[in-house]
N, C-alpha and C. Protein backbone atom coordinates (compact mmCIF):
# COMPACT_ATOMS: atom_id res chain seq x y z
N MET A 1 80.27 130.18 72.06
CA MET A 1 81.67 129.93 71.86
C MET A 1 82.19 130.69 70.64
N PHE A 2 81.39 130.80 69.60
CA PHE A 2 81.84 131.46 68.38
C PHE A 2 81.14 132.80 68.16
N ALA A 3 80.59 133.37 69.21
CA ALA A 3 79.89 134.65 69.08
C ALA A 3 80.85 135.70 68.52
N GLY A 4 80.42 136.39 67.50
CA GLY A 4 81.21 137.44 66.90
C GLY A 4 82.18 136.97 65.82
N VAL A 5 82.29 135.66 65.64
CA VAL A 5 83.18 135.13 64.61
C VAL A 5 82.37 134.96 63.33
N PRO A 6 82.84 135.49 62.21
CA PRO A 6 82.09 135.37 60.96
C PRO A 6 81.85 133.91 60.58
N ASP A 7 80.66 133.65 59.98
CA ASP A 7 80.27 132.28 59.63
C ASP A 7 81.31 131.58 58.76
N ASP A 8 81.92 132.29 57.81
CA ASP A 8 82.89 131.63 56.93
C ASP A 8 84.10 131.15 57.71
N GLU A 9 84.51 131.88 58.75
CA GLU A 9 85.63 131.45 59.57
C GLU A 9 85.25 130.26 60.45
N VAL A 10 84.02 130.27 60.97
CA VAL A 10 83.55 129.15 61.78
C VAL A 10 83.50 127.89 60.93
N ARG A 11 82.96 128.00 59.72
CA ARG A 11 82.90 126.83 58.82
C ARG A 11 84.29 126.29 58.55
N ALA A 12 85.25 127.17 58.33
CA ALA A 12 86.63 126.73 58.07
C ALA A 12 87.19 126.00 59.29
N MET A 13 86.98 126.55 60.49
CA MET A 13 87.52 125.94 61.70
C MET A 13 86.86 124.61 62.02
N LEU A 14 85.57 124.48 61.75
CA LEU A 14 84.85 123.29 62.16
C LEU A 14 84.75 122.20 61.10
N GLY A 15 85.21 122.46 59.91
CA GLY A 15 85.07 121.39 58.94
C GLY A 15 85.76 121.55 57.62
N GLU A 16 85.73 122.75 57.05
CA GLU A 16 86.25 122.89 55.70
C GLU A 16 87.75 122.64 55.62
N ASN A 17 88.49 122.99 56.66
CA ASN A 17 89.92 122.70 56.66
C ASN A 17 90.16 121.19 56.66
N ALA A 18 89.38 120.46 57.45
CA ALA A 18 89.52 119.00 57.48
C ALA A 18 89.16 118.38 56.14
N LEU A 19 88.15 118.93 55.47
CA LEU A 19 87.79 118.42 54.14
C LEU A 19 89.00 118.46 53.22
N ARG A 20 89.72 119.57 53.25
CA ARG A 20 90.89 119.72 52.37
C ARG A 20 92.07 118.88 52.83
N VAL A 21 92.39 118.95 54.11
CA VAL A 21 93.58 118.27 54.62
C VAL A 21 93.47 116.75 54.47
N TYR A 22 92.31 116.20 54.83
CA TYR A 22 92.14 114.75 54.81
C TYR A 22 91.48 114.24 53.53
N ARG A 23 91.19 115.16 52.62
CA ARG A 23 90.60 114.82 51.33
C ARG A 23 89.31 114.00 51.48
N PHE A 24 88.46 114.46 52.42
CA PHE A 24 87.17 113.82 52.60
C PHE A 24 86.28 114.10 51.40
N ASP A 25 85.31 113.23 51.17
CA ASP A 25 84.31 113.44 50.12
C ASP A 25 83.34 114.51 50.62
N GLU A 26 83.44 115.70 50.04
CA GLU A 26 82.67 116.84 50.54
C GLU A 26 81.17 116.59 50.49
N ALA A 27 80.67 115.98 49.44
CA ALA A 27 79.23 115.74 49.32
C ALA A 27 78.73 114.83 50.44
N LYS A 28 79.50 113.79 50.76
CA LYS A 28 79.10 112.87 51.82
C LYS A 28 79.13 113.54 53.19
N VAL A 29 80.19 114.30 53.44
CA VAL A 29 80.30 114.98 54.73
C VAL A 29 79.19 116.00 54.89
N ARG A 30 78.92 116.78 53.86
CA ARG A 30 77.85 117.79 53.95
C ARG A 30 76.49 117.13 54.16
N ALA A 31 76.25 115.99 53.52
CA ALA A 31 74.97 115.29 53.71
C ALA A 31 74.79 114.90 55.18
N HIS A 32 75.86 114.39 55.80
CA HIS A 32 75.77 114.03 57.22
C HIS A 32 75.61 115.27 58.09
N ALA A 33 76.35 116.31 57.78
CA ALA A 33 76.28 117.54 58.58
C ALA A 33 74.88 118.15 58.52
N GLU A 34 74.27 118.12 57.36
CA GLU A 34 72.92 118.67 57.23
C GLU A 34 71.91 117.84 58.01
N ARG A 35 72.17 116.53 58.10
CA ARG A 35 71.24 115.64 58.80
C ARG A 35 71.40 115.73 60.32
N ILE A 36 72.64 115.80 60.83
CA ILE A 36 72.85 115.71 62.27
C ILE A 36 73.42 116.96 62.91
N GLY A 37 73.98 117.86 62.13
CA GLY A 37 74.65 119.02 62.70
C GLY A 37 73.70 120.17 62.99
N PRO A 38 74.17 121.12 63.76
CA PRO A 38 73.36 122.32 63.97
C PRO A 38 73.31 123.13 62.68
N PRO A 39 72.25 123.88 62.47
CA PRO A 39 72.14 124.68 61.26
C PRO A 39 73.28 125.70 61.15
N ALA A 40 73.76 125.90 59.95
CA ALA A 40 74.79 126.92 59.72
C ALA A 40 74.27 128.27 60.19
N GLY A 41 75.16 129.05 60.75
CA GLY A 41 74.78 130.38 61.22
C GLY A 41 74.30 130.40 62.65
N THR A 42 74.27 129.25 63.33
CA THR A 42 73.79 129.22 64.71
C THR A 42 74.90 128.99 65.73
N PHE A 43 76.14 128.96 65.30
CA PHE A 43 77.24 128.64 66.21
C PHE A 43 77.50 129.72 67.24
N GLY A 44 77.13 130.94 66.98
CA GLY A 44 77.34 132.02 67.93
C GLY A 44 76.20 132.18 68.91
N GLU A 45 75.17 131.36 68.77
CA GLU A 45 74.01 131.46 69.65
C GLU A 45 74.18 130.59 70.88
N THR A 46 73.50 130.95 71.95
CA THR A 46 73.48 130.13 73.15
C THR A 46 72.53 128.97 72.91
N PRO A 47 72.97 127.74 73.15
CA PRO A 47 72.08 126.61 72.91
C PRO A 47 70.92 126.59 73.91
N PRO A 48 69.82 125.96 73.54
CA PRO A 48 68.71 125.83 74.48
C PRO A 48 69.16 125.14 75.75
N ILE A 49 68.52 125.43 76.86
CA ILE A 49 68.92 124.89 78.15
C ILE A 49 68.95 123.37 78.14
N ASP A 50 68.05 122.73 77.39
CA ASP A 50 68.05 121.27 77.35
C ASP A 50 69.38 120.74 76.82
N ASN A 51 69.93 121.40 75.80
CA ASN A 51 71.21 120.97 75.26
C ASN A 51 72.34 121.19 76.26
N VAL A 52 72.28 122.30 76.96
CA VAL A 52 73.30 122.60 77.95
C VAL A 52 73.24 121.58 79.08
N ALA A 53 72.04 121.28 79.55
CA ALA A 53 71.88 120.30 80.63
C ALA A 53 72.35 118.93 80.19
N TYR A 54 72.03 118.56 78.95
CA TYR A 54 72.46 117.26 78.43
C TYR A 54 73.98 117.20 78.34
N ALA A 55 74.60 118.24 77.85
CA ALA A 55 76.06 118.27 77.72
C ALA A 55 76.71 118.15 79.10
N ARG A 56 76.16 118.84 80.08
CA ARG A 56 76.72 118.78 81.43
C ARG A 56 76.57 117.36 81.99
N LEU A 57 75.41 116.75 81.79
CA LEU A 57 75.19 115.39 82.27
C LEU A 57 76.15 114.42 81.60
N TRP A 58 76.33 114.57 80.29
CA TRP A 58 77.23 113.70 79.55
C TRP A 58 78.66 113.86 80.06
N ARG A 59 79.08 115.09 80.25
CA ARG A 59 80.45 115.36 80.72
C ARG A 59 80.67 114.74 82.10
N GLU A 60 79.68 114.90 82.99
CA GLU A 60 79.81 114.34 84.32
C GLU A 60 79.83 112.81 84.30
N SER A 61 79.02 112.20 83.44
CA SER A 61 79.01 110.74 83.38
C SER A 61 80.29 110.20 82.75
N ALA A 62 80.85 110.95 81.81
CA ALA A 62 82.10 110.51 81.16
C ALA A 62 83.29 110.62 82.13
N ALA A 63 83.19 111.53 83.09
CA ALA A 63 84.29 111.75 84.02
C ALA A 63 84.40 110.61 85.03
N GLY A 64 83.34 109.83 85.13
CA GLY A 64 83.47 108.67 85.99
C GLY A 64 82.57 108.63 87.12
C-alpha cells in the first residue's frame, strides 16, 4: 500500500499527525506501537500470506 512512499511520510500519515492534533502522549503511543505494530520501514512490503489470509477472513466475517 505504501510502496515507494518515504518512511518519514508514512510515519506522518499513520501516526505522527494524530500525535500532534490530538495531543497524545508520544512516549505511551510509541511504547504500544513498538509492542504491537509492524516494524518501521516495512509498510511498503507485501505482508506474509498468513497475514493476508487472516485479513481476508476477518473482512469476510465482519461483513456478515
